[in-house]
PDB file of N, CA and C in Angstrom:
ATOM      1  N   MET A   1       0.816  -1.101   0.121  1.00  0.00           N
ATOM      2  CA  MET A   1      -0.584   0.005  -0.375  1.00  0.00           C
ATOM      3  C   MET A   1       1.010   1.312  -0.038  1.00  0.00           C
ATOM      4  N   ALA A   2       0.228   1.783  -1.152  1.00  0.00           N
ATOM      5  CA  ALA A   2       1.882   3.560  -1.140  1.00  0.00           C
ATOM      6  C   ALA A   2       0.788   4.544   0.360  1.00  0.00           C
ATOM      7  N   VAL A   3       1.968   5.287   0.613  1.00  0.00           N
ATOM      8  CA  VAL A   3       1.377   6.327   2.050  1.00  0.00           C
ATOM      9  C   VAL A   3       1.998   7.519   1.180  1.00  0.00           C
ATOM     10  N   ILE A   4       0.637   8.376   1.347  1.00  0.00           N
ATOM     11  CA  ILE A   4       0.714  10.068   1.839  1.00  0.00           C
ATOM     12  C   ILE A   4       1.394  10.244   2.818  1.00  0.00           C
ATOM     13  N   PRO A   5       2.699  10.577   2.507  1.00  0.00           N
ATOM     14  CA  PRO A   5       3.104  11.565   4.248  1.00  0.00           C
ATOM     15  C   PRO A   5       1.990  12.667   4.367  1.00  0.00           C
ATOM     16  N   GLN A   6       2.639  12.232   5.893  1.00  0.00           N
ATOM     17  CA  GLN A   6       1.840  14.220   6.637  1.00  0.00           C
ATOM     18  C   GLN A   6       2.586  15.228   6.240  1.00  0.00           C
ATOM     19  N   PHE A   7       1.836  16.426   6.588  1.00  0.00           N
ATOM     20  CA  PHE A   7       2.590  17.298   5.900  1.00  0.00           C
ATOM     21  C   PHE A   7       3.952  17.838   6.478  1.00  0.00           C
ATOM     22  N   GLU A   8       5.039  18.326   6.282  1.00  0.00           N
ATOM     23  CA  GLU A   8       5.629  18.923   6.837  1.00  0.00           C
ATOM     24  C   GLU A   8       5.415  20.264   7.326  1.00  0.00           C
ATOM     25  N   LEU A   9       6.303  20.812   7.923  1.00  0.00           N
ATOM     26  CA  LEU A   9       6.016  22.210   9.551  1.00  0.00           C
ATOM     27  C   LEU A   9       5.732  23.165   8.873  1.00  0.00           C
ATOM     28  N   ASP A  10       6.154  23.173   7.140  1.00  0.00           N
ATOM     29  CA  ASP A  10       5.863  24.464   6.102  1.00  0.00           C
ATOM     30  C   ASP A  10       4.374  24.796   5.485  1.00  0.00           C
ATOM     31  N   GLY A  11       3.987  23.254   5.918  1.00  0.00           N
ATOM     32  CA  GLY A  11       2.663  23.312   5.369  1.00  0.00           C
ATOM     33  C   GLY A  11       2.156  22.600   3.919  1.00  0.00           C
ATOM     34  N   LEU A  12       3.219  21.702   3.580  1.00  0.00           N
ATOM     35  CA  LEU A  12       3.710  20.801   2.346  1.00  0.00           C
ATOM     36  C   LEU A  12       4.182  19.899   2.425  1.00  0.00           C
ATOM     37  N   LEU A  13       3.536  19.148   1.455  1.00  0.00           N
ATOM     38  CA  LEU A  13       4.262  17.560   1.671  1.00  0.00           C
ATOM     39  C   LEU A  13       5.927  17.565   0.895  1.00  0.00           C
ATOM     40  N   PRO A  14       6.023  16.588   1.104  1.00  0.00           N
ATOM     41  CA  PRO A  14       7.738  16.459   0.890  1.00  0.00           C
ATOM     42  C   PRO A  14       7.508  16.372  -0.597  1.00  0.00           C
ATOM     43  N   PRO A  15       8.610  16.552  -1.388  1.00  0.00           N
ATOM     44  CA  PRO A  15       9.042  16.623  -2.743  1.00  0.00           C
ATOM     45  C   PRO A  15       8.535  14.712  -2.912  1.00  0.00           C
ATOM     46  N   GLY A  16       8.020  14.796  -4.387  1.00  0.00           N
ATOM     47  CA  GLY A  16       7.919  13.771  -4.772  1.00  0.00           C
ATOM     48  C   GLY A  16       6.193  13.303  -5.574  1.00  0.00           C
ATOM     49  N   ASP A  17       6.359  12.257  -6.111  1.00  0.00           N
ATOM     50  CA  ASP A  17       5.697  11.459  -6.347  1.00  0.00           C
ATOM     51  C   ASP A  17       5.092  10.501  -6.098  1.00  0.00           C
ATOM     52  N   TYR A  18       3.588  10.811  -5.552  1.00  0.00           N
ATOM     53  CA  TYR A  18       2.695   9.191  -4.863  1.00  0.00           C
ATOM     54  C   TYR A  18       1.327   8.733  -5.775  1.00  0.00           C
ATOM     55  N   GLU A  19       1.893   7.603  -5.794  1.00  0.00           N
ATOM     56  CA  GLU A  19       1.239   7.277  -6.447  1.00  0.00           C
ATOM     57  C   GLU A  19       0.035   6.111  -5.285  1.00  0.00           C
ATOM     58  N   VAL A  20      -1.237   6.556  -5.784  1.00  0.00           N
ATOM     59  CA  VAL A  20      -1.652   5.532  -4.919  1.00  0.00           C
ATOM     60  C   VAL A  20      -3.324   5.259  -5.756  1.00  0.00           C
ATOM     61  N   THR A  21      -3.862   4.351  -4.908  1.00  0.00           N
ATOM     62  CA  THR A  21      -5.627   4.094  -5.741  1.00  0.00           C
ATOM     63  C   THR A  21      -6.352   5.382  -5.143  1.00  0.00           C
ATOM     64  N   PHE A  22      -7.346   5.349  -5.722  1.00  0.00           N
ATOM     65  CA  PHE A  22      -8.844   6.093  -4.991  1.00  0.00           C
ATOM     66  C   PHE A  22      -9.499   5.543  -3.757  1.00  0.00           C
ATOM     67  N   GLU A  23      -9.100   4.624  -3.381  1.00  0.00           N
ATOM     68  CA  GLU A  23      -9.662   4.106  -2.027  1.00  0.00           C
ATOM     69  C   GLU A  23      -8.662   4.460  -1.256  1.00  0.00           C
ATOM     70  N   GLU A  24      -6.442   4.334  -1.459  1.00  0.00           N
ATOM     71  CA  GLU A  24      -5.659   4.625  -0.211  1.00  0.00           C
ATOM     72  C   GLU A  24      -6.098   6.154   0.048  1.00  0.00           C
ATOM     73  N   LEU A  25      -6.444   6.777  -1.412  1.00  0.00           N
ATOM     74  CA  LEU A  25      -6.584   8.802  -1.556  1.00  0.00           C
ATOM     75  C   LEU A  25      -7.534   9.322  -0.592  1.00  0.00           C
ATOM     76  N   ARG A  26      -8.619   8.188  -0.728  1.00  0.00           N
ATOM     77  CA  ARG A  26      -9.948   8.187   0.736  1.00  0.00           C
ATOM     78  C   ARG A  26      -9.489   8.351   1.473  1.00  0.00           C
ATOM     79  N   ARG A  27      -8.549   7.600   2.276  1.00  0.00           N
ATOM     80  CA  ARG A  27      -8.072   7.443   3.369  1.00  0.00           C
ATOM     81  C   ARG A  27      -6.463   8.206   4.207  1.00  0.00           C
ATOM     82  N   SER A  28      -6.499   9.168   2.650  1.00  0.00           N
ATOM     83  CA  SER A  28      -5.451   9.815   3.564  1.00  0.00           C
ATOM     84  C   SER A  28      -5.440  11.107   3.770  1.00  0.00           C
ATOM     85  N   VAL A  29      -3.722  12.157   4.648  1.00  0.00           N
ATOM     86  CA  VAL A  29      -3.823  13.240   5.080  1.00  0.00           C
ATOM     87  C   VAL A  29      -5.021  14.209   4.525  1.00  0.00           C
ATOM     88  N   LEU A  30      -4.814  13.677   2.767  1.00  0.00           N
ATOM     89  CA  LEU A  30      -5.455  14.757   1.867  1.00  0.00           C
ATOM     90  C   LEU A  30      -6.774  15.002   2.194  1.00  0.00           C
ATOM     91  N   VAL A  31      -7.078  13.546   2.416  1.00  0.00           N
ATOM     92  CA  VAL A  31      -9.163  13.832   2.460  1.00  0.00           C
ATOM     93  C   VAL A  31      -9.055  13.900   3.809  1.00  0.00           C
ATOM     94  N   LEU A  32      -8.734  13.495   4.881  1.00  0.00           N
ATOM     95  CA  LEU A  32      -9.000  13.246   6.231  1.00  0.00           C
ATOM     96  C   LEU A  32      -8.656  14.155   7.140  1.00  0.00           C
ATOM     97  N   GLY A  33      -7.291  14.804   7.039  1.00  0.00           N
ATOM     98  CA  GLY A  33      -7.273  15.613   7.211  1.00  0.00           C
ATOM     99  C   GLY A  33      -6.028  15.826   8.162  1.00  0.00           C
ATOM    100  N   PRO A  34      -5.035  16.715   8.468  1.00  0.00           N
ATOM    101  CA  PRO A  34      -4.085  16.057   9.072  1.00  0.00           C
ATOM    102  C   PRO A  34      -3.743  15.620  10.338  1.00  0.00           C
ATOM    103  N   GLY A  35      -4.537  15.540  11.157  1.00  0.00           N
ATOM    104  CA  GLY A  35      -4.955  15.174  12.992  1.00  0.00           C
ATOM    105  C   GLY A  35      -6.558  14.652  13.275  1.00  0.00           C
ATOM    106  N   GLU A  36      -6.765  14.632  14.285  1.00  0.00           N
ATOM    107  CA  GLU A  36      -8.379  14.715  15.302  1.00  0.00           C
ATOM    108  C   GLU A  36      -8.822  15.826  14.808  1.00  0.00           C
ATOM    109  N   PRO A  37     -10.095  15.752  14.813  1.00  0.00           N
ATOM    110  CA  PRO A  37     -10.912  17.423  14.670  1.00  0.00           C
ATOM    111  C   PRO A  37     -10.313  18.310  16.027  1.00  0.00           C
ATOM    112  N   ASN A  38     -10.195  17.703  16.915  1.00  0.00           N
ATOM    113  CA  ASN A  38     -10.027  18.616  18.112  1.00  0.00           C
ATOM    114  C   ASN A  38      -8.739  19.204  17.752  1.00  0.00           C
ATOM    115  N   GLU A  39      -7.609  18.233  16.874  1.00  0.00           N
ATOM    116  CA  GLU A  39      -6.129  18.777  16.710  1.00  0.00           C
ATOM    117  C   GLU A  39      -5.989  19.831  15.987  1.00  0.00           C
ATOM    118  N   CYS A  40      -6.950  19.937  14.813  1.00  0.00           N
ATOM    119  CA  CYS A  40      -6.590  21.161  13.837  1.00  0.00           C
ATOM    120  C   CYS A  40      -8.319  21.548  13.209  1.00  0.00           C
ATOM    121  N   PRO A  41      -8.686  22.181  14.336  1.00  0.00           N
ATOM    122  CA  PRO A  41     -10.184  22.971  13.847  1.00  0.00           C
ATOM    123  C   PRO A  41      -9.962  23.514  12.406  1.00  0.00           C
ATOM    124  N   THR A  42      -9.726  24.527  12.518  1.00  0.00           N
ATOM    125  CA  THR A  42      -9.320  25.035  11.002  1.00  0.00           C
ATOM    126  C   THR A  42      -9.752  24.129   9.863  1.00  0.00           C
ATOM    127  N   TRP A  43      -9.439  22.867  10.081  1.00  0.00           N
ATOM    128  CA  TRP A  43      -9.438  22.306   8.743  1.00  0.00           C
ATOM    129  C   TRP A  43     -10.455  21.832   8.447  1.00  0.00           C
ATOM    130  N   ASP A  44     -10.964  22.266   6.995  1.00  0.00           N
ATOM    131  CA  ASP A  44     -11.998  22.432   5.932  1.00  0.00           C
ATOM    132  C   ASP A  44     -12.970  23.415   6.635  1.00  0.00           C
ATOM    133  N   ALA A  45     -12.314  24.160   7.438  1.00  0.00           N
ATOM    134  CA  ALA A  45     -12.931  25.711   8.028  1.00  0.00           C
ATOM    135  C   ALA A  45     -13.244  26.717   7.387  1.00  0.00           C
ATOM    136  N   ALA A  46     -13.774  26.751   6.008  1.00  0.00           N
ATOM    137  CA  ALA A  46     -13.640  28.092   5.401  1.00  0.00           C
ATOM    138  C   ALA A  46     -15.065  28.377   4.980  1.00  0.00           C
ATOM    139  N   GLY A  47     -16.113  28.028   5.480  1.00  0.00           N
ATOM    140  CA  GLY A  47     -17.261  28.516   5.300  1.00  0.00           C
ATOM    141  C   GLY A  47     -18.058  26.952   4.575  1.00  0.00           C
ATOM    142  N   GLY A  48     -17.813  25.811   4.766  1.00  0.00           N
ATOM    143  CA  GLY A  48     -18.719  24.631   4.132  1.00  0.00           C
ATOM    144  C   GLY A  48     -17.829  23.958   3.789  1.00  0.00           C
ATOM    145  N   PRO A  49     -17.816  22.612   2.865  1.00  0.00           N
ATOM    146  CA  PRO A  49     -17.019  21.644   2.611  1.00  0.00           C
ATOM    147  C   PRO A  49     -16.445  21.577   1.832  1.00  0.00           C
ATOM    148  N   GLY A  50     -14.915  21.505   2.180  1.00  0.00           N
ATOM    149  CA  GLY A  50     -14.032  21.682   1.134  1.00  0.00           C
ATOM    150  C   GLY A  50     -13.677  21.017  -0.604  1.00  0.00           C
ATOM    151  N   TRP A  51     -13.026  21.481  -1.094  1.00  0.00           N
ATOM    152  CA  TRP A  51     -12.937  20.810  -2.653  1.00  0.00           C
ATOM    153  C   TRP A  51     -12.835  19.223  -2.140  1.00  0.00           C
ATOM    154  N   TRP A  52     -11.979  18.374  -1.319  1.00  0.00           N
ATOM    155  CA  TRP A  52     -11.725  17.278  -0.916  1.00  0.00           C
ATOM    156  C   TRP A  52     -12.681  16.712  -0.611  1.00  0.00           C
ATOM    157  N   THR A  53     -13.849  17.373   0.556  1.00  0.00           N
ATOM    158  CA  THR A  53     -14.717  16.562   0.982  1.00  0.00           C
ATOM    159  C   THR A  53     -16.422  16.494  -0.692  1.00  0.00           C
ATOM    160  N   ILE A  54     -16.108  17.639  -1.298  1.00  0.00           N
ATOM    161  CA  ILE A  54     -16.988  17.022  -2.295  1.00  0.00           C
ATOM    162  C   ILE A  54     -16.347  16.203  -3.545  1.00  0.00           C
ATOM    163  N   TRP A  55     -14.949  16.490  -3.516  1.00  0.00           N
ATOM    164  CA  TRP A  55     -14.781  15.405  -4.887  1.00  0.00           C
ATOM    165  C   TRP A  55     -14.724  13.650  -4.669  1.00  0.00           C
ATOM    166  N   LYS A  56     -14.574  13.966  -2.949  1.00  0.00           N
ATOM    167  CA  LYS A  56     -14.382  12.067  -2.773  1.00  0.00           C
ATOM    168  C   LYS A  56     -15.795  11.460  -2.842  1.00  0.00           C
ATOM    169  N   TYR A  57     -17.022  12.508  -2.874  1.00  0.00           N
ATOM    170  CA  TYR A  57     -17.915  11.927  -3.207  1.00  0.00           C
ATOM    171  C   TYR A  57     -18.155  11.741  -4.918  1.00  0.00           C
TER     172      TYR A  57
END
């Protein structure tokens, strides 16, 4: 199983290509967010679902 790593301190992913299946992408930090909701309260907080929330359906 391919792994998409956590974001670096600057908020970016490490450079590289990440080949993943759609299912792996759905379970990744790019869709689920960088941590528990109480740890990252501003994730997807721009007034409604973000593009990743809409896109995954």
